[in-house]
């Protein structure tokens, strides 16, 4: 049974820093919105690619990590209570007879919105899959590309496959939590592309026997009926080893994909959406594009520039939604109306 579409004035695709700032700016215009992201959490590129790395070019914040920036933005949008729909990949966008947009996800949810903001960065981030024929049948049950609930891992033999930050961090977290019967980190070589502090922590846990490290490349798996029981690894000495597994967590990195976006009839140049710099609207009325997904003369792919684009797009959306209302520039320092929206009391 198909679910009814969620009706909203605004829908934001992308919950990275620019998408979150878009939510904030829409909130200042008294436009509440829903937010969709392909990832199971907010954060976009900073959370996935550089959560612990420093960022130095955010105004007023001399330095912060990628994850800290996301946490600050989440705090900033809280007064507007945006509804987040994580783990949804937008598949279709269709103009309705009344001018609204029917936006559908691959997961079966749909939204009926008056304006749409595409803040999808360089595309929807999707995990790189484990390239073993037939293993996808276990996805969601025993094969995971994001850390599942603790109850799923409790008392189990857990194998974490990968050699980058997320794999090492997850393995260390599982050891610290003490939920699993055994935690094994599997990587194709004894060299990691990860933060030095994480690598050092892994070496220490391995030395104390808290974490098991196996150097090998997955080449197959074993199953009993429909249950995954072991991962077959090609070892450096040419032998094959069978590694017992109850739950397999795979972190081989992520890759951005434009996906169906390129089929929505929007003007594009080099896989980026063409926008007008006064409104950041695309060639389709009511569809705006902000951040790395757009292009225009002089475009710079910086978070700061995305913040500017989202601000002007919010003003444009307010004019679109309330064409008969005079638009006045207000300041958060002095405007009682903005204080009310933000839920703060002026000093």
C-alpha atoms as a PDB file:
ATOM      1  CA  UNK A   1       0.000   0.000   0.000  1.00  0.00           C
ATOM      2  CA  UNK A   2       1.510   3.303  -1.111  1.00  0.00           C
ATOM      3  CA  UNK A   3       1.985   5.940   1.560  1.00  0.00           C
ATOM      4  CA  UNK A   4       0.349   9.314   1.120  1.00  0.00           C
ATOM      5  CA  UNK A   5       2.710  12.151   0.194  1.00  0.00           C
ATOM      6  CA  UNK A   6       3.856  14.460   2.977  1.00  0.00           C
ATOM      7  CA  UNK A   7       2.714  18.004   2.177  1.00  0.00           C
ATOM      8  CA  UNK A   8       5.168  20.805   2.924  1.00  0.00           C
ATOM      9  CA  UNK A   9       6.089  24.288   1.770  1.00  0.00           C
ATOM     10  CA  UNK A  10       9.751  23.363   1.318  1.00  0.00           C
ATOM     11  CA  UNK A  11      11.814  20.217   0.894  1.00  0.00           C
ATOM     12  CA  UNK A  12      15.608  20.229   1.184  1.00  0.00           C
ATOM     13  CA  UNK A  13      17.592  17.430  -0.448  1.00  0.00           C
ATOM     14  CA  UNK A  14      20.863  17.043   1.436  1.00  0.00           C
ATOM     15  CA  UNK A  15      21.621  17.319   5.155  1.00  0.00           C
ATOM     16  CA  UNK A  16      25.216  18.485   4.879  1.00  0.00           C
ATOM     17  CA  UNK A  17      26.374  21.901   6.116  1.00  0.00           C
ATOM     18  CA  UNK A  18      24.785  23.851   3.251  1.00  0.00           C
ATOM     19  CA  UNK A  19      21.538  21.893   3.499  1.00  0.00           C
ATOM     20  CA  UNK A  20      21.376  22.563   7.256  1.00  0.00           C
ATOM     21  CA  UNK A  21      22.093  26.258   6.694  1.00  0.00           C
ATOM     22  CA  UNK A  22      19.323  26.279   4.103  1.00  0.00           C
ATOM     23  CA  UNK A  23      16.962  24.981   6.795  1.00  0.00           C
ATOM     24  CA  UNK A  24      18.066  27.786   9.130  1.00  0.00           C
ATOM     25  CA  UNK A  25      17.579  30.513   6.545  1.00  0.00           C
ATOM     26  CA  UNK A  26      14.176  29.142   5.583  1.00  0.00           C
ATOM     27  CA  UNK A  27      13.271  29.175   9.254  1.00  0.00           C
ATOM     28  CA  UNK A  28      14.135  32.861   9.492  1.00  0.00           C
ATOM     29  CA  UNK A  29      11.673  33.372   6.634  1.00  0.00           C
ATOM     30  CA  UNK A  30       9.082  31.417   8.659  1.00  0.00           C
ATOM     31  CA  UNK A  31       9.181  28.563   6.154  1.00  0.00           C
ATOM     32  CA  UNK A  32       9.265  25.177   7.849  1.00  0.00           C
ATOM     33  CA  UNK A  33      10.624  22.284   5.848  1.00  0.00           C
ATOM     34  CA  UNK A  34      11.422  18.601   5.557  1.00  0.00           C
ATOM     35  CA  UNK A  35      14.968  17.372   4.882  1.00  0.00           C
ATOM     36  CA  UNK A  36      15.962  14.242   2.965  1.00  0.00           C
ATOM     37  CA  UNK A  37      19.386  12.590   2.821  1.00  0.00           C
ATOM     38  CA  UNK A  38      20.656   9.341   1.353  1.00  0.00           C
ATOM     39  CA  UNK A  39      22.868   8.780   4.394  1.00  0.00           C
ATOM     40  CA  UNK A  40      21.360   7.424   7.635  1.00  0.00           C
ATOM     41  CA  UNK A  41      22.367  10.595   9.489  1.00  0.00           C
ATOM     42  CA  UNK A  42      22.978  14.300   8.976  1.00  0.00           C
ATOM     43  CA  UNK A  43      26.405  15.652   8.121  1.00  0.00           C
ATOM     44  CA  UNK A  44      27.135  15.066   4.441  1.00  0.00           C
ATOM     45  CA  UNK A  45      30.761  15.302   3.370  1.00  0.00           C
ATOM     46  CA  UNK A  46      32.175  16.589   6.694  1.00  0.00           C
ATOM     47  CA  UNK A  47      30.715  13.683   8.668  1.00  0.00           C
ATOM     48  CA  UNK A  48      31.610  11.039   6.087  1.00  0.00           C
ATOM     49  CA  UNK A  49      34.955  12.248   4.741  1.00  0.00           C
ATOM     50  CA  UNK A  50      36.633  14.412   7.368  1.00  0.00           C
ATOM     51  CA  UNK A  51      34.810  14.307  10.728  1.00  0.00           C
ATOM     52  CA  UNK A  52      38.013  14.790  12.727  1.00  0.00           C
ATOM     53  CA  UNK A  53      39.934  17.030  10.347  1.00  0.00           C
ATOM     54  CA  UNK A  54      40.155  20.770  11.122  1.00  0.00           C
ATOM     55  CA  UNK A  55      38.293  23.438   9.138  1.00  0.00           C
ATOM     56  CA  UNK A  56      39.742  26.953   9.332  1.00  0.00           C
ATOM     57  CA  UNK A  57      37.558  29.072   7.012  1.00  0.00           C
ATOM     58  CA  UNK A  58      34.185  29.269   8.781  1.00  0.00           C
ATOM     59  CA  UNK A  59      33.550  32.917   9.787  1.00  0.00           C
ATOM     60  CA  UNK A  60      33.767  33.506  13.535  1.00  0.00           C
ATOM     61  CA  UNK A  61      35.095  29.996  14.230  1.00  0.00           C
ATOM     62  CA  UNK A  62      38.912  29.986  13.997  1.00  0.00           C
ATOM     63  CA  UNK A  63      39.001  26.189  13.856  1.00  0.00           C
ATOM     64  CA  UNK A  64      36.555  23.302  14.218  1.00  0.00           C
ATOM     65  CA  UNK A  65      36.347  19.714  13.071  1.00  0.00           C
ATOM     66  CA  UNK A  66      33.945  18.609  10.364  1.00  0.00           C
ATOM     67  CA  UNK A  67      31.769  16.852  12.927  1.00  0.00           C
ATOM     68  CA  UNK A  68      31.819  19.846  15.276  1.00  0.00           C
ATOM     69  CA  UNK A  69      30.585  22.082  12.453  1.00  0.00           C
ATOM     70  CA  UNK A  70      27.668  19.731  11.826  1.00  0.00           C
ATOM     71  CA  UNK A  71      26.812  19.603  15.531  1.00  0.00           C
ATOM     72  CA  UNK A  72      26.801  23.418  15.736  1.00  0.00           C
ATOM     73  CA  UNK A  73      24.532  23.661  12.690  1.00  0.00           C
ATOM     74  CA  UNK A  74      22.183  21.050  14.134  1.00  0.00           C
ATOM     75  CA  UNK A  75      21.939  23.144  17.279  1.00  0.00           C
ATOM     76  CA  UNK A  76      21.279  26.248  15.195  1.00  0.00           C
ATOM     77  CA  UNK A  77      18.352  24.731  13.263  1.00  0.00           C
ATOM     78  CA  UNK A  78      16.744  23.185  16.345  1.00  0.00           C
ATOM     79  CA  UNK A  79      14.252  26.069  16.899  1.00  0.00           C
ATOM     80  CA  UNK A  80      12.671  25.275  13.527  1.00  0.00           C
ATOM     81  CA  UNK A  81      12.209  21.535  14.208  1.00  0.00           C
ATOM     82  CA  UNK A  82      12.983  20.299  10.687  1.00  0.00           C
ATOM     83  CA  UNK A  83      11.692  16.807   9.923  1.00  0.00           C
ATOM     84  CA  UNK A  84      14.642  14.644   8.826  1.00  0.00           C
ATOM     85  CA  UNK A  85      14.108  11.666   6.531  1.00  0.00           C
ATOM     86  CA  UNK A  86      17.439   9.809   6.587  1.00  0.00           C
ATOM     87  CA  UNK A  87      18.296   6.914   4.315  1.00  0.00           C
ATOM     88  CA  UNK A  88      16.111   8.136   1.451  1.00  0.00           C
ATOM     89  CA  UNK A  89      17.415   8.528  -2.095  1.00  0.00           C
ATOM     90  CA  UNK A  90      15.298  10.868  -4.200  1.00  0.00           C
ATOM     91  CA  UNK A  91      14.243   9.151  -7.391  1.00  0.00           C
ATOM     92  CA  UNK A  92      11.583  11.283  -9.091  1.00  0.00           C
ATOM     93  CA  UNK A  93      10.442  14.897  -9.301  1.00  0.00           C
ATOM     94  CA  UNK A  94       7.163  15.589 -11.108  1.00  0.00           C
ATOM     95  CA  UNK A  95       5.366  18.886 -11.617  1.00  0.00           C
ATOM     96  CA  UNK A  96       1.710  18.696 -10.567  1.00  0.00           C
ATOM     97  CA  UNK A  97      -1.237  20.538 -12.207  1.00  0.00           C
ATOM     98  CA  UNK A  98      -1.366  22.985  -9.280  1.00  0.00           C
ATOM     99  CA  UNK A  99       2.321  23.858  -9.729  1.00  0.00           C
ATOM    100  CA  UNK A 100       3.578  21.905  -6.749  1.00  0.00           C
ATOM    101  CA  UNK A 101       6.295  19.265  -7.027  1.00  0.00           C
ATOM    102  CA  UNK A 102       5.745  15.611  -6.216  1.00  0.00           C
ATOM    103  CA  UNK A 103       9.092  14.273  -5.026  1.00  0.00           C
ATOM    104  CA  UNK A 104       9.509  10.531  -4.563  1.00  0.00           C
ATOM    105  CA  UNK A 105      12.221   8.442  -2.923  1.00  0.00           C
ATOM    106  CA  UNK A 106      13.457   5.026  -3.946  1.00  0.00           C
ATOM    107  CA  UNK A 107      12.368   3.805  -0.512  1.00  0.00           C
ATOM    108  CA  UNK A 108       8.692   4.561  -1.227  1.00  0.00           C
ATOM    109  CA  UNK A 109       8.122   7.869   0.561  1.00  0.00           C
ATOM    110  CA  UNK A 110       6.930  10.968  -1.317  1.00  0.00           C
ATOM    111  CA  UNK A 111       6.573  14.662  -0.584  1.00  0.00           C
ATOM    112  CA  UNK A 112       4.320  17.272  -2.149  1.00  0.00           C
ATOM    113  CA  UNK A 113       6.187  20.554  -1.899  1.00  0.00           C
ATOM    114  CA  UNK A 114       5.792  24.110  -3.146  1.00  0.00           C
ATOM    115  CA  UNK A 115       9.552  24.615  -3.466  1.00  0.00           C
ATOM    116  CA  UNK A 116      12.519  22.279  -3.624  1.00  0.00           C
ATOM    117  CA  UNK A 117      16.111  22.956  -2.572  1.00  0.00           C
ATOM    118  CA  UNK A 118      18.840  20.710  -3.909  1.00  0.00           C
ATOM    119  CA  UNK A 119      21.823  20.828  -1.564  1.00  0.00           C
ATOM    120  CA  UNK A 120      23.189  17.468  -2.613  1.00  0.00           C
ATOM    121  CA  UNK A 121      26.865  18.407  -2.730  1.00  0.00           C
ATOM    122  CA  UNK A 122      28.539  16.383  -5.453  1.00  0.00           C
ATOM    123  CA  UNK A 123      25.723  13.846  -5.384  1.00  0.00           C
ATOM    124  CA  UNK A 124      24.181  11.301  -3.050  1.00  0.00           C
ATOM    125  CA  UNK A 125      26.853   9.505  -1.052  1.00  0.00           C
ATOM    126  CA  UNK A 126      26.544   5.743  -1.304  1.00  0.00           C
ATOM    127  CA  UNK A 127      28.825   3.162   0.328  1.00  0.00           C
ATOM    128  CA  UNK A 128      31.158   1.206  -1.922  1.00  0.00           C
ATOM    129  CA  UNK A 129      29.768  -2.343  -1.831  1.00  0.00           C
ATOM    130  CA  UNK A 130      31.610  -5.540  -1.042  1.00  0.00           C
ATOM    131  CA  UNK A 131      32.277  -7.057  -4.440  1.00  0.00           C
ATOM    132  CA  UNK A 132      31.388 -10.684  -3.785  1.00  0.00           C
ATOM    133  CA  UNK A 133      28.745 -12.380  -5.905  1.00  0.00           C
ATOM    134  CA  UNK A 134      25.668 -13.237  -3.869  1.00  0.00           C
ATOM    135  CA  UNK A 135      26.690 -11.469  -0.655  1.00  0.00           C
ATOM    136  CA  UNK A 136      24.112  -8.715  -1.170  1.00  0.00           C
ATOM    137  CA  UNK A 137      21.430 -11.197  -0.087  1.00  0.00           C
ATOM    138  CA  UNK A 138      22.597 -10.697   3.514  1.00  0.00           C
ATOM    139  CA  UNK A 139      22.410  -6.898   3.417  1.00  0.00           C
ATOM    140  CA  UNK A 140      20.371  -5.469   6.253  1.00  0.00           C
ATOM    141  CA  UNK A 141      20.492  -8.740   8.207  1.00  0.00           C
ATOM    142  CA  UNK A 142      24.167  -9.655   8.560  1.00  0.00           C
ATOM    143  CA  UNK A 143      25.893  -7.340   6.065  1.00  0.00           C
ATOM    144  CA  UNK A 144      25.913  -3.634   6.966  1.00  0.00           C
ATOM    145  CA  UNK A 145      27.440  -0.540   5.376  1.00  0.00           C
ATOM    146  CA  UNK A 146      26.603   1.579   8.420  1.00  0.00           C
ATOM    147  CA  UNK A 147      26.868   0.548  12.056  1.00  0.00           C
ATOM    148  CA  UNK A 148      23.620  -1.189  13.091  1.00  0.00           C
ATOM    149  CA  UNK A 149      21.928  -1.024  16.484  1.00  0.00           C
ATOM    150  CA  UNK A 150      23.927  -2.399  19.416  1.00  0.00           C
ATOM    151  CA  UNK A 151      21.376  -5.168  19.939  1.00  0.00           C
ATOM    152  CA  UNK A 152      22.276  -6.575  16.521  1.00  0.00           C
ATOM    153  CA  UNK A 153      25.943  -6.892  17.534  1.00  0.00           C
ATOM    154  CA  UNK A 154      25.555  -8.045  21.137  1.00  0.00           C
ATOM    155  CA  UNK A 155      27.194 -11.409  21.813  1.00  0.00           C
ATOM    156  CA  UNK A 156      28.175 -11.855  18.154  1.00  0.00           C
ATOM    157  CA  UNK A 157      31.377 -12.439  16.202  1.00  0.00           C
ATOM    158  CA  UNK A 158      31.691  -9.113  14.419  1.00  0.00           C
ATOM    159  CA  UNK A 159      34.009  -8.547  11.465  1.00  0.00           C
ATOM    160  CA  UNK A 160      34.809  -4.976  10.421  1.00  0.00           C
ATOM    161  CA  UNK A 161      36.216  -4.760   6.892  1.00  0.00           C
ATOM    162  CA  UNK A 162      38.142  -1.655   5.798  1.00  0.00           C
ATOM    163  CA  UNK A 163      41.279   0.378   6.375  1.00  0.00           C
ATOM    164  CA  UNK A 164      40.101   3.977   6.610  1.00  0.00           C
ATOM    165  CA  UNK A 165      39.001   6.139   9.541  1.00  0.00           C
ATOM    166  CA  UNK A 166      35.425   4.858   9.760  1.00  0.00           C
ATOM    167  CA  UNK A 167      36.458   1.197   9.841  1.00  0.00           C
ATOM    168  CA  UNK A 168      39.111   1.726  12.518  1.00  0.00           C
ATOM    169  CA  UNK A 169      36.885   3.998  14.585  1.00  0.00           C
ATOM    170  CA  UNK A 170      34.018   1.490  14.461  1.00  0.00           C
ATOM    171  CA  UNK A 171      36.256  -1.415  15.487  1.00  0.00           C
ATOM    172  CA  UNK A 172      37.624   0.587  18.416  1.00  0.00           C
ATOM    173  CA  UNK A 173      34.139   1.684  19.489  1.00  0.00           C
ATOM    174  CA  UNK A 174      32.900  -1.906  19.458  1.00  0.00           C
ATOM    175  CA  UNK A 175      35.829  -3.041  21.595  1.00  0.00           C
ATOM    176  CA  UNK A 176      35.209  -0.191  24.047  1.00  0.00           C
ATOM    177  CA  UNK A 177      31.484  -1.022  24.230  1.00  0.00           C
ATOM    178  CA  UNK A 178      32.238  -4.647  25.072  1.00  0.00           C
ATOM    179  CA  UNK A 179      29.014  -5.845  23.477  1.00  0.00           C
ATOM    180  CA  UNK A 180      30.355  -8.321  20.938  1.00  0.00           C
ATOM    181  CA  UNK A 181      31.837 -11.732  21.642  1.00  0.00           C
ATOM    182  CA  UNK A 182      34.762 -11.059  19.308  1.00  0.00           C
ATOM    183  CA  UNK A 183      35.705  -8.065  17.120  1.00  0.00           C
ATOM    184  CA  UNK A 184      37.987  -8.627  14.130  1.00  0.00           C
ATOM    185  CA  UNK A 185      39.320  -5.942  11.817  1.00  0.00           C
ATOM    186  CA  UNK A 186      40.031  -7.174   8.282  1.00  0.00           C
ATOM    187  CA  UNK A 187      42.094  -5.210   5.774  1.00  0.00           C
ATOM    188  CA  UNK A 188      43.850  -6.232   2.593  1.00  0.00           C
ATOM    189  CA  UNK A 189      47.252  -5.006   3.851  1.00  0.00           C
ATOM    190  CA  UNK A 190      48.909  -4.014   7.098  1.00  0.00           C
ATOM    191  CA  UNK A 191      48.912  -0.339   6.152  1.00  0.00           C
ATOM    192  CA  UNK A 192      45.960   1.932   6.935  1.00  0.00           C
ATOM    193  CA  UNK A 193      44.771   5.137   5.302  1.00  0.00           C
ATOM    194  CA  UNK A 194      43.559   6.593   8.561  1.00  0.00           C
ATOM    195  CA  UNK A 195      44.363   9.144  11.233  1.00  0.00           C
ATOM    196  CA  UNK A 196      47.606   8.253  13.043  1.00  0.00           C
ATOM    197  CA  UNK A 197      45.912   8.334  16.439  1.00  0.00           C
ATOM    198  CA  UNK A 198      43.355   5.767  15.263  1.00  0.00           C
ATOM    199  CA  UNK A 199      46.074   3.515  13.828  1.00  0.00           C
ATOM    200  CA  UNK A 200      48.043   3.706  17.093  1.00  0.00           C
ATOM    201  CA  UNK A 201      44.930   2.879  19.124  1.00  0.00           C
ATOM    202  CA  UNK A 202      44.223  -0.144  16.877  1.00  0.00           C
ATOM    203  CA  UNK A 203      47.798  -1.411  17.291  1.00  0.00           C
ATOM    204  CA  UNK A 204      47.473  -1.097  21.070  1.00  0.00           C
ATOM    205  CA  UNK A 205      44.164  -3.006  21.203  1.00  0.00           C
ATOM    206  CA  UNK A 206      45.591  -5.727  18.967  1.00  0.00           C
ATOM    207  CA  UNK A 207      48.669  -6.036  21.188  1.00  0.00           C
ATOM    208  CA  UNK A 208      46.480  -6.533  24.272  1.00  0.00           C
ATOM    209  CA  UNK A 209      44.233  -9.052  22.507  1.00  0.00           C
ATOM    210  CA  UNK A 210      41.127  -6.905  22.780  1.00  0.00           C
ATOM    211  CA  UNK A 211      40.908  -6.501  19.001  1.00  0.00           C
ATOM    212  CA  UNK A 212      41.860  -9.103  16.396  1.00  0.00           C
ATOM    213  CA  UNK A 213      43.519  -8.029  13.160  1.00  0.00           C
ATOM    214  CA  UNK A 214      43.534 -10.194  10.038  1.00  0.00           C
ATOM    215  CA  UNK A 215      45.360  -9.124   6.878  1.00  0.00           C
ATOM    216  CA  UNK A 216      43.597 -10.574   3.875  1.00  0.00           C
ATOM    217  CA  UNK A 217      41.291  -9.904   0.954  1.00  0.00           C
ATOM    218  CA  UNK A 218      37.700 -11.254   0.941  1.00  0.00           C
ATOM    219  CA  UNK A 219      37.262 -13.653  -1.967  1.00  0.00           C
ATOM    220  CA  UNK A 220      34.147 -15.551  -0.933  1.00  0.00           C
ATOM    221  CA  UNK A 221      31.847 -16.521   1.896  1.00  0.00           C
ATOM    222  CA  UNK A 222      30.192 -19.535   3.489  1.00  0.00           C
ATOM    223  CA  UNK A 223      26.570 -19.918   4.469  1.00  0.00           C
ATOM    224  CA  UNK A 224      24.244 -22.391   6.121  1.00  0.00           C
ATOM    225  CA  UNK A 225      20.850 -22.177   4.443  1.00  0.00           C
ATOM    226  CA  UNK A 226      20.228 -18.398   4.384  1.00  0.00           C
ATOM    227  CA  UNK A 227      22.663 -17.549   7.186  1.00  0.00           C
ATOM    228  CA  UNK A 228      26.130 -16.077   6.604  1.00  0.00           C
ATOM    229  CA  UNK A 229      28.629 -18.090   8.667  1.00  0.00           C
ATOM    230  CA  UNK A 230      32.123 -17.208   7.443  1.00  0.00           C
ATOM    231  CA  UNK A 231      34.154 -14.891   5.242  1.00  0.00           C
ATOM    232  CA  UNK A 232      36.805 -16.505   3.014  1.00  0.00           C
ATOM    233  CA  UNK A 233      40.016 -14.490   2.827  1.00  0.00           C
ATOM    234  CA  UNK A 234      42.975 -14.666   0.445  1.00  0.00           C
ATOM    235  CA  UNK A 235      46.006 -14.343   2.731  1.00  0.00           C
ATOM    236  CA  UNK A 236      49.364 -12.706   1.870  1.00  0.00           C
ATOM    237  CA  UNK A 237      51.026 -16.163   1.720  1.00  0.00           C
ATOM    238  CA  UNK A 238      48.606 -17.313  -1.001  1.00  0.00           C
ATOM    239  CA  UNK A 239      46.522 -19.492   1.294  1.00  0.00           C
ATOM    240  CA  UNK A 240      42.796 -19.077   1.929  1.00  0.00           C
ATOM    241  CA  UNK A 241      41.461 -18.653   5.443  1.00  0.00           C
ATOM    242  CA  UNK A 242      37.887 -19.029   6.670  1.00  0.00           C
ATOM    243  CA  UNK A 243      36.933 -16.378   9.238  1.00  0.00           C
ATOM    244  CA  UNK A 244      33.755 -17.001  11.302  1.00  0.00           C
ATOM    245  CA  UNK A 245      31.311 -14.113  11.190  1.00  0.00           C
ATOM    246  CA  UNK A 246      27.869 -13.365  12.576  1.00  0.00           C
ATOM    247  CA  UNK A 247      27.747  -9.703  11.605  1.00  0.00           C
ATOM    248  CA  UNK A 248      29.839  -8.133   8.830  1.00  0.00           C
ATOM    249  CA  UNK A 249      30.375  -4.356   8.816  1.00  0.00           C
ATOM    250  CA  UNK A 250      31.907  -3.080   5.566  1.00  0.00           C
ATOM    251  CA  UNK A 251      33.526   0.357   5.345  1.00  0.00           C
ATOM    252  CA  UNK A 252      35.266   0.659   1.977  1.00  0.00           C
ATOM    253  CA  UNK A 253      34.604   4.365   1.565  1.00  0.00           C
ATOM    254  CA  UNK A 254      31.789   6.186  -0.143  1.00  0.00           C
ATOM    255  CA  UNK A 255      31.273   7.525  -3.633  1.00  0.00           C
ATOM    256  CA  UNK A 256      29.005  10.380  -4.736  1.00  0.00           C
ATOM    257  CA  UNK A 257      26.524   9.688  -7.516  1.00  0.00           C
ATOM    258  CA  UNK A 258      24.199  12.089  -9.269  1.00  0.00           C
ATOM    259  CA  UNK A 259      21.788   9.255  -9.969  1.00  0.00           C
ATOM    260  CA  UNK A 260      18.326  10.239 -11.243  1.00  0.00           C
ATOM    261  CA  UNK A 261      18.989  13.962 -10.668  1.00  0.00           C
ATOM    262  CA  UNK A 262      20.429  14.187 -14.167  1.00  0.00           C
ATOM    263  CA  UNK A 263      17.067  13.030 -15.573  1.00  0.00           C
ATOM    264  CA  UNK A 264      14.864  15.694 -13.988  1.00  0.00           C
ATOM    265  CA  UNK A 265      15.032  18.083 -16.942  1.00  0.00           C
ATOM    266  CA  UNK A 266      17.213  20.630 -15.141  1.00  0.00           C
ATOM    267  CA  UNK A 267      19.840  22.594 -17.070  1.00  0.00           C
ATOM    268  CA  UNK A 268      23.303  21.230 -16.326  1.00  0.00           C
ATOM    269  CA  UNK A 269      26.939  21.930 -17.143  1.00  0.00           C
ATOM    270  CA  UNK A 270      29.587  19.333 -16.323  1.00  0.00           C
ATOM    271  CA  UNK A 271      27.247  17.468 -13.974  1.00  0.00           C
ATOM    272  CA  UNK A 272      26.319  20.627 -12.070  1.00  0.00           C
ATOM    273  CA  UNK A 273      23.011  22.512 -12.012  1.00  0.00           C
ATOM    274  CA  UNK A 274      22.952  25.910 -13.702  1.00  0.00           C
ATOM    275  CA  UNK A 275      21.419  28.620 -11.484  1.00  0.00           C
ATOM    276  CA  UNK A 276      20.693  32.342 -11.522  1.00  0.00           C
ATOM    277  CA  UNK A 277      22.838  34.156  -8.974  1.00  0.00           C
ATOM    278  CA  UNK A 278      20.067  36.495  -7.776  1.00  0.00           C
ATOM    279  CA  UNK A 279      17.834  33.636  -6.585  1.00  0.00           C
ATOM    280  CA  UNK A 280      19.876  30.444  -7.064  1.00  0.00           C
ATOM    281  CA  UNK A 281      16.895  29.036  -8.869  1.00  0.00           C
ATOM    282  CA  UNK A 282      17.389  26.498 -11.641  1.00  0.00           C
ATOM    283  CA  UNK A 283      15.641  26.684 -14.997  1.00  0.00           C
ATOM    284  CA  UNK A 284      12.602  25.112 -13.286  1.00  0.00           C
ATOM    285  CA  UNK A 285      10.498  27.551 -11.193  1.00  0.00           C
ATOM    286  CA  UNK A 286      10.538  26.664  -7.523  1.00  0.00           C
ATOM    287  CA  UNK A 287      13.578  24.401  -7.762  1.00  0.00           C
ATOM    288  CA  UNK A 288      16.722  25.899  -6.214  1.00  0.00           C
ATOM    289  CA  UNK A 289      20.261  24.515  -6.090  1.00  0.00           C
ATOM    290  CA  UNK A 290      22.867  25.517  -3.504  1.00  0.00           C
ATOM    291  CA  UNK A 291      26.352  24.341  -2.613  1.00  0.00           C
ATOM    292  CA  UNK A 292      28.665  22.153  -4.671  1.00  0.00           C
ATOM    293  CA  UNK A 293      25.825  20.852  -6.845  1.00  0.00           C
ATOM    294  CA  UNK A 294      25.372  24.176  -8.676  1.00  0.00           C
ATOM    295  CA  UNK A 295      27.409  26.209 -11.123  1.00  0.00           C
ATOM    296  CA  UNK A 296      27.502  29.822 -12.283  1.00  0.00           C
ATOM    297  CA  UNK A 297      30.192  32.274 -13.432  1.00  0.00           C
ATOM    298  CA  UNK A 298      32.767  32.683 -10.675  1.00  0.00           C
ATOM    299  CA  UNK A 299      31.526  29.655  -8.698  1.00  0.00           C
ATOM    300  CA  UNK A 300      33.783  28.561  -5.832  1.00  0.00           C
ATOM    301  CA  UNK A 301      33.215  25.238  -4.074  1.00  0.00           C
ATOM    302  CA  UNK A 302      33.485  26.471  -0.502  1.00  0.00           C
ATOM    303  CA  UNK A 303      31.151  25.938   2.447  1.00  0.00           C
ATOM    304  CA  UNK A 304      31.139  29.703   2.978  1.00  0.00           C
ATOM    305  CA  UNK A 305      29.875  30.286  -0.580  1.00  0.00           C
ATOM    306  CA  UNK A 306      27.174  27.658  -0.080  1.00  0.00           C
ATOM    307  CA  UNK A 307      25.966  29.535   3.005  1.00  0.00           C
ATOM    308  CA  UNK A 308      25.627  32.717   0.926  1.00  0.00           C
ATOM    309  CA  UNK A 309      23.731  30.866  -1.810  1.00  0.00           C
ATOM    310  CA  UNK A 310      21.308  29.286   0.667  1.00  0.00           C
ATOM    311  CA  UNK A 311      20.594  32.690   2.216  1.00  0.00           C
ATOM    312  CA  UNK A 312      19.600  34.276  -1.087  1.00  0.00           C
ATOM    313  CA  UNK A 313      17.641  31.171  -2.093  1.00  0.00           C
ATOM    314  CA  UNK A 314      15.596  31.439   1.112  1.00  0.00           C
ATOM    315  CA  UNK A 315      14.704  35.071   0.357  1.00  0.00           C
ATOM    316  CA  UNK A 316      13.715  34.040  -3.174  1.00  0.00           C
ATOM    317  CA  UNK A 317      11.550  31.213  -1.852  1.00  0.00           C
ATOM    318  CA  UNK A 318       9.780  33.581   0.548  1.00  0.00           C
ATOM    319  CA  UNK A 319       8.937  35.843  -2.382  1.00  0.00           C
ATOM    320  CA  UNK A 320       7.711  32.824  -4.349  1.00  0.00           C
ATOM    321  CA  UNK A 321       5.505  31.513  -1.531  1.00  0.00           C
ATOM    322  CA  UNK A 322       4.182  34.905  -0.455  1.00  0.00           C
ATOM    323  CA  UNK A 323       4.112  37.034  -3.630  1.00  0.00           C
ATOM    324  CA  UNK A 324       1.663  39.604  -2.219  1.00  0.00           C
ATOM    325  CA  UNK A 325       3.644  40.200   0.942  1.00  0.00           C
ATOM    326  CA  UNK A 326       6.213  42.968   1.101  1.00  0.00           C
ATOM    327  CA  UNK A 327       9.628  41.501   1.825  1.00  0.00           C
ATOM    328  CA  UNK A 328      11.600  43.377   4.458  1.00  0.00           C
ATOM    329  CA  UNK A 329      15.178  42.763   5.520  1.00  0.00           C
ATOM    330  CA  UNK A 330      15.291  42.054   9.256  1.00  0.00           C
ATOM    331  CA  UNK A 331      18.245  41.506  11.565  1.00  0.00           C
ATOM    332  CA  UNK A 332      18.521  38.851  14.255  1.00  0.00           C
ATOM    333  CA  UNK A 333      20.068  41.430  16.575  1.00  0.00           C
ATOM    334  CA  UNK A 334      16.975  43.676  16.665  1.00  0.00           C
ATOM    335  CA  UNK A 335      13.943  41.984  15.103  1.00  0.00           C
ATOM    336  CA  UNK A 336      11.258  40.853  17.606  1.00  0.00           C
ATOM    337  CA  UNK A 337       9.809  38.677  14.848  1.00  0.00           C
ATOM    338  CA  UNK A 338      13.086  36.819  14.333  1.00  0.00           C
ATOM    339  CA  UNK A 339      13.553  36.519  18.096  1.00  0.00           C
ATOM    340  CA  UNK A 340      10.134  34.891  18.252  1.00  0.00           C
ATOM    341  CA  UNK A 341      11.000  32.452  15.468  1.00  0.00           C
ATOM    342  CA  UNK A 342      14.299  31.592  17.135  1.00  0.00           C
ATOM    343  CA  UNK A 343      12.696  31.234  20.549  1.00  0.00           C
ATOM    344  CA  UNK A 344      15.097  33.674  22.187  1.00  0.00           C
ATOM    345  CA  UNK A 345      14.642  36.727  24.386  1.00  0.00           C
ATOM    346  CA  UNK A 346      16.506  39.898  23.388  1.00  0.00           C
ATOM    347  CA  UNK A 347      18.994  41.260  25.875  1.00  0.00           C
END
